[in-house]
Every structure is written in structure tokens, then in C-alpha cells.
């Protein structure tokens, strides 16, 4: 009898997570299609952009206990997506776990780095980070791209602090 209520809450969290994940995917596509930033059209570039956009949600909503399930479901969706993409690229069942595990480690490492940079609003290290992840075809416009992403993160973090996770949409900040 009580289990019904827990499942209902979980379903709501899954719906919120799915909505957030779709907005992150759409935002990644918008950013990667901007000709002035010349994003490489490859898995690792999309992965890095997704991590940065996921970070915004994790950063803002990590302290609120009621959002833990949403954040966890969001991470689950991302990992499932990575698994699916790697399988499409031809990685077999025997080694897929190793690859997914490596990407999950990358996610957590990058989130911890981004966490420090955004807490301190450290643009210089963020710029170095963007240069290090090497997602652009042409590094000439790298500083503009770093400024764009950094400002997008700062603005969306400030806005998200005032808004419930179920209403947050990262696409609003991608211009």
C-alpha cells in the first residue's frame, strides 16, 4: 500500500530527469552547431560538452536532498547514453564495461575540477580546462568559446538557484 506512493515519486523524478536530459542534449547540439566555435564532430567533443552542461545541474541542485533522485537518474541516463553510443561505435559486450567505467571516472573527475573553478569563479583555469579538453577544430577562437561557456555557466547557476529543478531548462541560456 505504501509502496505505491514511493513509486509515484520516483516516476516524477524520472520524468523531470528525462526532461532535463533532453534539454542538455538539445543545448549540446545548439552549441556544437555554432559555426564560430568550430566544435569537432566526434564523440569526445559531445561528451565534454554534455559533462559541462550536466555539471550546472549537479552544482546547483546537489545540496537539496529532494533533488538527489533526479540527479542520480540524470547520471543514469547519461551513462546509458554513453553505453548505447559506444555499442553503436562497435565496442563489443566483452569490453563495453571497461570503456563505460573509464568514461564514468572522467565524468566525476571533470565535475570535481569544474566545481572548484565555478565556486571560485576562476575564468583563467576554466580557459585552460577548455584548451585541455581540445574539443574545437580551430583553437583560434578558443578564448571566445571559453568566455561564452563560462558566462553561460555563471548565469545559469545564478538563475537555477532561484528555480525548482523541475522547471529548470538549460536551453534558455544557450544563445
C-alpha atoms as a PDB file:
ATOM      1  CA  UNK A   1       0.000   0.000   0.000  1.00  0.00           C
ATOM      2  CA  UNK A   2       2.770   2.491   0.876  1.00  0.00           C
ATOM      3  CA  UNK A   3       4.970   1.304  -1.966  1.00  0.00           C
ATOM      4  CA  UNK A   4       2.557   2.920  -4.410  1.00  0.00           C
ATOM      5  CA  UNK A   5       3.489   6.403  -3.143  1.00  0.00           C
ATOM      6  CA  UNK A   6       7.232   5.770  -3.403  1.00  0.00           C
ATOM      7  CA  UNK A   7       6.920   4.579  -6.978  1.00  0.00           C
ATOM      8  CA  UNK A   8       4.819   7.595  -7.864  1.00  0.00           C
ATOM      9  CA  UNK A   9       7.538   9.951  -6.559  1.00  0.00           C
ATOM     10  CA  UNK A  10      10.226   8.004  -8.385  1.00  0.00           C
ATOM     11  CA  UNK A  11       8.296   8.243 -11.642  1.00  0.00           C
ATOM     12  CA  UNK A  12       8.020  12.007 -11.217  1.00  0.00           C
ATOM     13  CA  UNK A  13      11.783  12.193 -10.660  1.00  0.00           C
ATOM     14  CA  UNK A  14      12.392  10.113 -13.776  1.00  0.00           C
ATOM     15  CA  UNK A  15      10.168  12.419 -15.826  1.00  0.00           C
ATOM     16  CA  UNK A  16      11.995  15.503 -14.533  1.00  0.00           C
ATOM     17  CA  UNK A  17      15.349  13.846 -15.268  1.00  0.00           C
ATOM     18  CA  UNK A  18      14.276  12.886 -18.781  1.00  0.00           C
ATOM     19  CA  UNK A  19      13.146  16.465 -19.458  1.00  0.00           C
ATOM     20  CA  UNK A  20      16.418  17.877 -18.141  1.00  0.00           C
ATOM     21  CA  UNK A  21      18.462  15.373 -20.124  1.00  0.00           C
ATOM     22  CA  UNK A  22      16.636  16.253 -23.344  1.00  0.00           C
ATOM     23  CA  UNK A  23      17.324  19.949 -22.758  1.00  0.00           C
ATOM     24  CA  UNK A  24      21.017  19.174 -22.172  1.00  0.00           C
ATOM     25  CA  UNK A  25      21.218  17.141 -25.388  1.00  0.00           C
ATOM     26  CA  UNK A  26      19.456  19.913 -27.316  1.00  0.00           C
ATOM     27  CA  UNK A  27      21.786  22.542 -25.828  1.00  0.00           C
ATOM     28  CA  UNK A  28      24.817  20.442 -26.758  1.00  0.00           C
ATOM     29  CA  UNK A  29      23.558  20.271 -30.333  1.00  0.00           C
ATOM     30  CA  UNK A  30      22.968  24.032 -30.432  1.00  0.00           C
ATOM     31  CA  UNK A  31      26.482  24.779 -29.146  1.00  0.00           C
ATOM     32  CA  UNK A  32      28.165  22.276 -31.454  1.00  0.00           C
ATOM     33  CA  UNK A  33      26.313  23.668 -34.486  1.00  0.00           C
ATOM     34  CA  UNK A  34      27.530  27.229 -33.894  1.00  0.00           C
ATOM     35  CA  UNK A  35      29.974  27.841 -36.723  1.00  0.00           C
ATOM     36  CA  UNK A  36      32.019  30.408 -34.790  1.00  0.00           C
ATOM     37  CA  UNK A  37      33.113  27.794 -32.219  1.00  0.00           C
ATOM     38  CA  UNK A  38      34.096  25.032 -34.681  1.00  0.00           C
ATOM     39  CA  UNK A  39      33.373  22.110 -32.354  1.00  0.00           C
ATOM     40  CA  UNK A  40      34.816  18.803 -33.540  1.00  0.00           C
ATOM     41  CA  UNK A  41      32.114  16.446 -34.736  1.00  0.00           C
ATOM     42  CA  UNK A  42      33.152  13.462 -32.635  1.00  0.00           C
ATOM     43  CA  UNK A  43      32.024  11.536 -29.582  1.00  0.00           C
ATOM     44  CA  UNK A  44      34.581  13.028 -27.163  1.00  0.00           C
ATOM     45  CA  UNK A  45      33.613  16.612 -28.010  1.00  0.00           C
ATOM     46  CA  UNK A  46      29.941  15.924 -27.373  1.00  0.00           C
ATOM     47  CA  UNK A  47      30.858  14.030 -24.210  1.00  0.00           C
ATOM     48  CA  UNK A  48      32.829  17.011 -22.857  1.00  0.00           C
ATOM     49  CA  UNK A  49      30.031  19.475 -23.640  1.00  0.00           C
ATOM     50  CA  UNK A  50      27.478  17.185 -22.006  1.00  0.00           C
ATOM     51  CA  UNK A  51      29.604  16.942 -18.855  1.00  0.00           C
ATOM     52  CA  UNK A  52      29.846  20.737 -18.642  1.00  0.00           C
ATOM     53  CA  UNK A  53      26.083  21.150 -19.017  1.00  0.00           C
ATOM     54  CA  UNK A  54      25.309  18.300 -16.599  1.00  0.00           C
ATOM     55  CA  UNK A  55      27.669  19.937 -14.146  1.00  0.00           C
ATOM     56  CA  UNK A  56      25.443  23.022 -13.974  1.00  0.00           C
ATOM     57  CA  UNK A  57      22.534  20.952 -12.694  1.00  0.00           C
ATOM     58  CA  UNK A  58      24.663  18.899 -10.311  1.00  0.00           C
ATOM     59  CA  UNK A  59      26.382  22.037  -8.980  1.00  0.00           C
ATOM     60  CA  UNK A  60      23.194  23.934  -8.205  1.00  0.00           C
ATOM     61  CA  UNK A  61      20.955  21.128  -7.031  1.00  0.00           C
ATOM     62  CA  UNK A  62      23.424  18.891  -5.165  1.00  0.00           C
ATOM     63  CA  UNK A  63      22.684  20.240  -1.687  1.00  0.00           C
ATOM     64  CA  UNK A  64      18.941  19.743  -1.797  1.00  0.00           C
ATOM     65  CA  UNK A  65      18.081  16.198  -0.682  1.00  0.00           C
ATOM     66  CA  UNK A  66      14.844  16.070  -2.645  1.00  0.00           C
ATOM     67  CA  UNK A  67      16.852  16.523  -5.859  1.00  0.00           C
ATOM     68  CA  UNK A  68      19.215  13.614  -5.206  1.00  0.00           C
ATOM     69  CA  UNK A  69      16.985  11.148  -7.040  1.00  0.00           C
ATOM     70  CA  UNK A  70      16.695  13.487 -10.014  1.00  0.00           C
ATOM     71  CA  UNK A  71      20.469  13.980 -10.140  1.00  0.00           C
ATOM     72  CA  UNK A  72      21.057  10.241  -9.835  1.00  0.00           C
ATOM     73  CA  UNK A  73      18.562   9.489 -12.588  1.00  0.00           C
ATOM     74  CA  UNK A  74      20.177  12.161 -14.759  1.00  0.00           C
ATOM     75  CA  UNK A  75      23.556  10.474 -14.295  1.00  0.00           C
ATOM     76  CA  UNK A  76      21.979   7.085 -15.067  1.00  0.00           C
ATOM     77  CA  UNK A  77      20.558   8.451 -18.324  1.00  0.00           C
ATOM     78  CA  UNK A  78      23.951   9.836 -19.300  1.00  0.00           C
ATOM     79  CA  UNK A  79      25.704   6.541 -18.569  1.00  0.00           C
ATOM     80  CA  UNK A  80      23.064   4.591 -20.513  1.00  0.00           C
ATOM     81  CA  UNK A  81      23.540   7.027 -23.393  1.00  0.00           C
ATOM     82  CA  UNK A  82      27.331   6.553 -23.286  1.00  0.00           C
ATOM     83  CA  UNK A  83      26.873   2.768 -23.251  1.00  0.00           C
ATOM     84  CA  UNK A  84      24.495   2.929 -26.220  1.00  0.00           C
ATOM     85  CA  UNK A  85      26.792   5.227 -28.211  1.00  0.00           C
ATOM     86  CA  UNK A  86      29.849   3.066 -27.584  1.00  0.00           C
ATOM     87  CA  UNK A  87      27.924  -0.014 -28.718  1.00  0.00           C
ATOM     88  CA  UNK A  88      26.926   1.841 -31.891  1.00  0.00           C
ATOM     89  CA  UNK A  89      30.609   2.598 -32.482  1.00  0.00           C
ATOM     90  CA  UNK A  90      31.268  -1.147 -32.471  1.00  0.00           C
ATOM     91  CA  UNK A  91      32.601  -1.845 -28.996  1.00  0.00           C
ATOM     92  CA  UNK A  92      31.583  -5.364 -28.042  1.00  0.00           C
ATOM     93  CA  UNK A  93      29.878  -6.769 -24.966  1.00  0.00           C
ATOM     94  CA  UNK A  94      33.117  -8.130 -23.526  1.00  0.00           C
ATOM     95  CA  UNK A  95      34.864  -4.765 -23.278  1.00  0.00           C
ATOM     96  CA  UNK A  96      31.981  -2.278 -23.041  1.00  0.00           C
ATOM     97  CA  UNK A  97      32.086  -2.247 -19.228  1.00  0.00           C
ATOM     98  CA  UNK A  98      35.723  -1.172 -19.214  1.00  0.00           C
ATOM     99  CA  UNK A  99      35.013   1.734 -21.564  1.00  0.00           C
ATOM    100  CA  UNK A 100      31.917   2.888 -19.681  1.00  0.00           C
ATOM    101  CA  UNK A 101      33.812   2.722 -16.386  1.00  0.00           C
ATOM    102  CA  UNK A 102      36.595   4.880 -17.854  1.00  0.00           C
ATOM    103  CA  UNK A 103      34.055   7.477 -19.014  1.00  0.00           C
ATOM    104  CA  UNK A 104      32.310   7.494 -15.624  1.00  0.00           C
ATOM    105  CA  UNK A 105      35.679   8.195 -13.969  1.00  0.00           C
ATOM    106  CA  UNK A 106      36.204  11.048 -16.444  1.00  0.00           C
ATOM    107  CA  UNK A 107      32.783  12.464 -15.576  1.00  0.00           C
ATOM    108  CA  UNK A 108      33.453  12.571 -11.846  1.00  0.00           C
ATOM    109  CA  UNK A 109      36.978  13.920 -12.322  1.00  0.00           C
ATOM    110  CA  UNK A 110      35.758  16.708 -14.583  1.00  0.00           C
ATOM    111  CA  UNK A 111      32.851  17.587 -12.307  1.00  0.00           C
ATOM    112  CA  UNK A 112      35.231  17.930  -9.341  1.00  0.00           C
ATOM    113  CA  UNK A 113      37.524  20.214 -11.387  1.00  0.00           C
ATOM    114  CA  UNK A 114      34.615  22.315 -12.625  1.00  0.00           C
ATOM    115  CA  UNK A 115      33.194  22.538  -9.108  1.00  0.00           C
ATOM    116  CA  UNK A 116      36.314  24.287  -7.814  1.00  0.00           C
ATOM    117  CA  UNK A 117      36.540  26.600 -10.826  1.00  0.00           C
ATOM    118  CA  UNK A 118      32.927  27.745 -10.645  1.00  0.00           C
ATOM    119  CA  UNK A 119      32.893  28.117  -6.853  1.00  0.00           C
ATOM    120  CA  UNK A 120      35.840  30.485  -7.165  1.00  0.00           C
ATOM    121  CA  UNK A 121      34.608  31.937 -10.484  1.00  0.00           C
ATOM    122  CA  UNK A 122      38.079  31.165 -11.825  1.00  0.00           C
ATOM    123  CA  UNK A 123      37.917  32.001 -15.523  1.00  0.00           C
ATOM    124  CA  UNK A 124      41.663  31.551 -16.127  1.00  0.00           C
ATOM    125  CA  UNK A 125      41.651  27.913 -15.027  1.00  0.00           C
ATOM    126  CA  UNK A 126      38.386  27.336 -16.879  1.00  0.00           C
ATOM    127  CA  UNK A 127      40.021  28.669 -20.039  1.00  0.00           C
ATOM    128  CA  UNK A 128      42.954  26.266 -19.515  1.00  0.00           C
ATOM    129  CA  UNK A 129      40.469  23.452 -18.937  1.00  0.00           C
ATOM    130  CA  UNK A 130      38.661  24.172 -22.232  1.00  0.00           C
ATOM    131  CA  UNK A 131      42.007  24.230 -24.016  1.00  0.00           C
ATOM    132  CA  UNK A 132      42.991  20.921 -22.392  1.00  0.00           C
ATOM    133  CA  UNK A 133      39.816  19.037 -23.391  1.00  0.00           C
ATOM    134  CA  UNK A 134      40.505  20.046 -27.011  1.00  0.00           C
ATOM    135  CA  UNK A 135      37.003  19.957 -28.475  1.00  0.00           C
ATOM    136  CA  UNK A 136      37.474  22.596 -31.156  1.00  0.00           C
ATOM    137  CA  UNK A 137      38.798  22.127 -34.685  1.00  0.00           C
ATOM    138  CA  UNK A 138      40.356  25.560 -34.636  1.00  0.00           C
ATOM    139  CA  UNK A 139      41.961  26.852 -31.443  1.00  0.00           C
ATOM    140  CA  UNK A 140      41.982  30.455 -32.748  1.00  0.00           C
ATOM    141  CA  UNK A 141      38.550  31.118 -31.275  1.00  0.00           C
ATOM    142  CA  UNK A 142      39.150  29.138 -28.087  1.00  0.00           C
ATOM    143  CA  UNK A 143      39.137  32.167 -25.754  1.00  0.00           C
ATOM    144  CA  UNK A 144      35.778  33.360 -27.088  1.00  0.00           C
ATOM    145  CA  UNK A 145      34.389  29.862 -26.673  1.00  0.00           C
ATOM    146  CA  UNK A 146      35.704  29.693 -23.094  1.00  0.00           C
ATOM    147  CA  UNK A 147      34.150  33.071 -22.270  1.00  0.00           C
ATOM    148  CA  UNK A 148      30.860  32.001 -23.807  1.00  0.00           C
ATOM    149  CA  UNK A 149      30.730  28.743 -21.822  1.00  0.00           C
ATOM    150  CA  UNK A 150      31.939  30.324 -18.597  1.00  0.00           C
ATOM    151  CA  UNK A 151      29.363  33.115 -18.781  1.00  0.00           C
ATOM    152  CA  UNK A 152      26.644  30.612 -19.663  1.00  0.00           C
ATOM    153  CA  UNK A 153      27.539  28.550 -16.597  1.00  0.00           C
ATOM    154  CA  UNK A 154      27.662  31.554 -14.242  1.00  0.00           C
ATOM    155  CA  UNK A 155      24.350  32.980 -15.487  1.00  0.00           C
ATOM    156  CA  UNK A 156      22.535  29.648 -15.463  1.00  0.00           C
ATOM    157  CA  UNK A 157      23.849  28.789 -11.980  1.00  0.00           C
ATOM    158  CA  UNK A 158      22.566  32.104 -10.604  1.00  0.00           C
ATOM    159  CA  UNK A 159      19.207  31.608 -12.263  1.00  0.00           C
ATOM    160  CA  UNK A 160      18.906  27.944 -11.261  1.00  0.00           C
ATOM    161  CA  UNK A 161      19.425  28.752  -7.582  1.00  0.00           C
ATOM    162  CA  UNK A 162      16.091  30.576  -7.670  1.00  0.00           C
ATOM    163  CA  UNK A 163      14.197  27.917  -9.593  1.00  0.00           C
ATOM    164  CA  UNK A 164      12.915  24.444  -8.792  1.00  0.00           C
ATOM    165  CA  UNK A 165      14.740  21.647 -10.590  1.00  0.00           C
ATOM    166  CA  UNK A 166      11.547  20.528 -12.339  1.00  0.00           C
ATOM    167  CA  UNK A 167      11.253  23.936 -14.054  1.00  0.00           C
ATOM    168  CA  UNK A 168      14.899  24.413 -14.979  1.00  0.00           C
ATOM    169  CA  UNK A 169      15.744  24.373 -18.687  1.00  0.00           C
ATOM    170  CA  UNK A 170      19.361  24.894 -19.713  1.00  0.00           C
ATOM    171  CA  UNK A 171      18.353  25.665 -23.306  1.00  0.00           C
ATOM    172  CA  UNK A 172      17.181  29.137 -22.191  1.00  0.00           C
ATOM    173  CA  UNK A 173      20.789  30.138 -21.555  1.00  0.00           C
ATOM    174  CA  UNK A 174      22.291  28.865 -24.787  1.00  0.00           C
ATOM    175  CA  UNK A 175      22.187  31.739 -27.248  1.00  0.00           C
END
